[in-house]
C-alpha atoms as a PDB file:
ATOM      1  CA  UNK A   1     200.474 114.324 162.203  1.00  0.00           C
ATOM      2  CA  UNK A   2     202.683 117.140 160.947  1.00  0.00           C
ATOM      3  CA  UNK A   3     205.776 117.740 163.049  1.00  0.00           C
ATOM      4  CA  UNK A   4     205.861 121.355 164.262  1.00  0.00           C
ATOM      5  CA  UNK A   5     208.658 123.716 163.407  1.00  0.00           C
ATOM      6  CA  UNK A   6     209.171 125.290 166.822  1.00  0.00           C
ATOM      7  CA  UNK A   7     212.374 127.116 165.900  1.00  0.00           C
ATOM      8  CA  UNK A   8     214.703 127.592 162.967  1.00  0.00           C
ATOM      9  CA  UNK A   9     218.414 127.276 163.670  1.00  0.00           C
ATOM     10  CA  UNK A  10     221.779 127.179 162.003  1.00  0.00           C
ATOM     11  CA  UNK A  11     223.795 124.189 163.183  1.00  0.00           C
ATOM     12  CA  UNK A  12     227.431 123.256 162.644  1.00  0.00           C
ATOM     13  CA  UNK A  13     228.135 119.547 163.073  1.00  0.00           C
ATOM     14  CA  UNK A  14     231.553 118.926 164.603  1.00  0.00           C
ATOM     15  CA  UNK A  15     234.110 116.850 162.744  1.00  0.00           C
ATOM     16  CA  UNK A  16     235.142 113.539 164.351  1.00  0.00           C
ATOM     17  CA  UNK A  17     238.502 115.058 165.336  1.00  0.00           C
ATOM     18  CA  UNK A  18     236.550 117.808 167.160  1.00  0.00           C
ATOM     19  CA  UNK A  19     234.618 115.142 169.075  1.00  0.00           C
ATOM     20  CA  UNK A  20     231.659 114.983 166.676  1.00  0.00           C
ATOM     21  CA  UNK A  21     229.906 112.175 164.870  1.00  0.00           C
ATOM     22  CA  UNK A  22     231.673 110.026 162.311  1.00  0.00           C
ATOM     23  CA  UNK A  23     228.457 109.347 160.387  1.00  0.00           C
ATOM     24  CA  UNK A  24     225.868 111.693 158.879  1.00  0.00           C
ATOM     25  CA  UNK A  25     222.649 112.773 160.594  1.00  0.00           C
ATOM     26  CA  UNK A  26     219.304 112.466 158.795  1.00  0.00           C
ATOM     27  CA  UNK A  27     215.895 114.122 159.044  1.00  0.00           C
ATOM     28  CA  UNK A  28     214.088 113.067 162.238  1.00  0.00           C
ATOM     29  CA  UNK A  29     217.437 112.869 164.074  1.00  0.00           C
ATOM     30  CA  UNK A  30     216.631 113.420 167.745  1.00  0.00           C
ATOM     31  CA  UNK A  31     219.645 114.449 169.813  1.00  0.00           C
ATOM     32  CA  UNK A  32     219.543 116.716 172.856  1.00  0.00           C
ATOM     33  CA  UNK A  33     219.260 120.485 172.543  1.00  0.00           C
ATOM     34  CA  UNK A  34     221.475 121.806 175.341  1.00  0.00           C
ATOM     35  CA  UNK A  35     221.211 125.262 176.912  1.00  0.00           C
ATOM     36  CA  UNK A  36     221.071 126.719 180.458  1.00  0.00           C
ATOM     37  CA  UNK A  37     222.787 123.574 181.789  1.00  0.00           C
ATOM     38  CA  UNK A  38     219.929 121.305 180.663  1.00  0.00           C
ATOM     39  CA  UNK A  39     219.377 118.769 177.877  1.00  0.00           C
ATOM     40  CA  UNK A  40     216.065 118.729 175.986  1.00  0.00           C
ATOM     41  CA  UNK A  41     214.849 116.341 173.287  1.00  0.00           C
ATOM     42  CA  UNK A  42     214.293 117.989 169.912  1.00  0.00           C
ATOM     43  CA  UNK A  43     213.619 116.361 166.569  1.00  0.00           C
ATOM     44  CA  UNK A  44     215.489 117.850 163.599  1.00  0.00           C
ATOM     45  CA  UNK A  45     214.333 118.544 160.055  1.00  0.00           C
ATOM     46  CA  UNK A  46     216.880 119.639 157.432  1.00  0.00           C
ATOM     47  CA  UNK A  47     214.916 121.337 154.627  1.00  0.00           C
ATOM     48  CA  UNK A  48     217.826 121.774 152.231  1.00  0.00           C
ATOM     49  CA  UNK A  49     219.424 118.314 152.389  1.00  0.00           C
ATOM     50  CA  UNK A  50     218.679 114.649 152.996  1.00  0.00           C
ATOM     51  CA  UNK A  51     221.665 114.113 155.296  1.00  0.00           C
ATOM     52  CA  UNK A  52     224.155 116.228 157.190  1.00  0.00           C
ATOM     53  CA  UNK A  53     227.799 115.227 157.293  1.00  0.00           C
ATOM     54  CA  UNK A  54     230.293 116.057 160.034  1.00  0.00           C
ATOM     55  CA  UNK A  55     231.767 119.471 159.205  1.00  0.00           C
ATOM     56  CA  UNK A  56     228.549 120.715 157.553  1.00  0.00           C
ATOM     57  CA  UNK A  57     226.646 123.821 158.601  1.00  0.00           C
ATOM     58  CA  UNK A  58     222.924 123.573 157.862  1.00  0.00           C
ATOM     59  CA  UNK A  59     219.582 125.239 158.381  1.00  0.00           C
ATOM     60  CA  UNK A  60     217.378 123.108 160.627  1.00  0.00           C
ATOM     61  CA  UNK A  61     213.876 123.197 162.019  1.00  0.00           C
ATOM     62  CA  UNK A  62     213.601 121.805 165.546  1.00  0.00           C
ATOM     63  CA  UNK A  63     210.502 120.398 167.217  1.00  0.00           C
ATOM     64  CA  UNK A  64     210.714 120.108 170.997  1.00  0.00           C
ATOM     65  CA  UNK A  65     209.204 117.159 172.840  1.00  0.00           C
ATOM     66  CA  UNK A  66     208.307 119.559 175.706  1.00  0.00           C
ATOM     67  CA  UNK A  67     207.702 122.918 173.962  1.00  0.00           C
ATOM     68  CA  UNK A  68     206.024 124.477 177.017  1.00  0.00           C
ATOM     69  CA  UNK A  69     209.383 124.380 178.832  1.00  0.00           C
ATOM     70  CA  UNK A  70     211.007 126.727 176.307  1.00  0.00           C
ATOM     71  CA  UNK A  71     208.527 129.580 175.823  1.00  0.00           C
ATOM     72  CA  UNK A  72     210.155 132.792 176.994  1.00  0.00           C
ATOM     73  CA  UNK A  73     213.547 131.110 177.448  1.00  0.00           C
ATOM     74  CA  UNK A  74     214.667 130.694 173.851  1.00  0.00           C
ATOM     75  CA  UNK A  75     215.350 133.767 171.743  1.00  0.00           C
ATOM     76  CA  UNK A  76     216.768 134.647 168.343  1.00  0.00           C
ATOM     77  CA  UNK A  77     220.548 134.740 168.375  1.00  0.00           C
ATOM     78  CA  UNK A  78     220.776 132.347 171.332  1.00  0.00           C
ATOM     79  CA  UNK A  79     223.581 129.806 171.069  1.00  0.00           C
ATOM     80  CA  UNK A  80     223.158 126.153 172.051  1.00  0.00           C
ATOM     81  CA  UNK A  81     224.848 122.775 171.768  1.00  0.00           C
ATOM     82  CA  UNK A  82     223.689 119.563 170.118  1.00  0.00           C
ATOM     83  CA  UNK A  83     224.537 116.563 172.266  1.00  0.00           C
ATOM     84  CA  UNK A  84     224.294 112.801 172.222  1.00  0.00           C
ATOM     85  CA  UNK A  85     224.348 111.976 175.892  1.00  0.00           C
ATOM     86  CA  UNK A  86     227.256 113.924 177.404  1.00  0.00           C
ATOM     87  CA  UNK A  87     229.068 114.220 174.046  1.00  0.00           C
ATOM     88  CA  UNK A  88     228.764 117.484 172.117  1.00  0.00           C
ATOM     89  CA  UNK A  89     228.311 116.770 168.394  1.00  0.00           C
ATOM     90  CA  UNK A  90     227.245 120.213 167.153  1.00  0.00           C
ATOM     91  CA  UNK A  91     226.898 123.902 167.903  1.00  0.00           C
ATOM     92  CA  UNK A  92     224.024 126.091 166.856  1.00  0.00           C
ATOM     93  CA  UNK A  93     222.321 129.425 166.942  1.00  0.00           C
ATOM     94  CA  UNK A  94     218.574 130.127 166.959  1.00  0.00           C
ATOM     95  CA  UNK A  95     217.723 132.142 163.834  1.00  0.00           C
ATOM     96  CA  UNK A  96     213.906 132.362 164.230  1.00  0.00           C
ATOM     97  CA  UNK A  97     211.172 131.438 166.696  1.00  0.00           C
ATOM     98  CA  UNK A  98     208.432 129.868 164.578  1.00  0.00           C
ATOM     99  CA  UNK A  99     205.655 127.682 166.072  1.00  0.00           C
ATOM    100  CA  UNK A 100     206.964 127.375 169.645  1.00  0.00           C
ATOM    101  CA  UNK A 101     204.057 129.112 171.396  1.00  0.00           C
ATOM    102  CA  UNK A 102     201.449 127.267 169.323  1.00  0.00           C
ATOM    103  CA  UNK A 103     203.176 123.943 170.060  1.00  0.00           C
ATOM    104  CA  UNK A 104     203.234 124.724 173.781  1.00  0.00           C
ATOM    105  CA  UNK A 105     199.516 125.548 173.702  1.00  0.00           C
ATOM    106  CA  UNK A 106     198.685 122.308 171.839  1.00  0.00           C
ATOM    107  CA  UNK A 107     200.793 120.335 174.297  1.00  0.00           C
ATOM    108  CA  UNK A 108     198.970 121.901 177.269  1.00  0.00           C
ATOM    109  CA  UNK A 109     195.570 121.103 175.725  1.00  0.00           C
ATOM    110  CA  UNK A 110     196.549 117.455 175.193  1.00  0.00           C
ATOM    111  CA  UNK A 111     197.881 116.771 178.696  1.00  0.00           C
END
């Protein structure tokens, strides 16, 4: 099954000395997408690279595990954090809303 592209974002991965990862992230990386004081699971796809190193800024497509929770709450230009547990490893900004509503509808039909 094709993984949806719910949103497009630009993400900066913190350097280790900023509290970030010390190893690269790869496609299908699934950290938490943090906004409005809540963590949400989102799988990442990096269309322009195989791996993302600390200090890199990349374009990413994110697929939410619970897309229905985000419709009407996420908007272009919105800033968010990327976290692994309570540790912030990246900072991002939503650049486009893509398949979020369609993903939410599919999720509702399958539950």
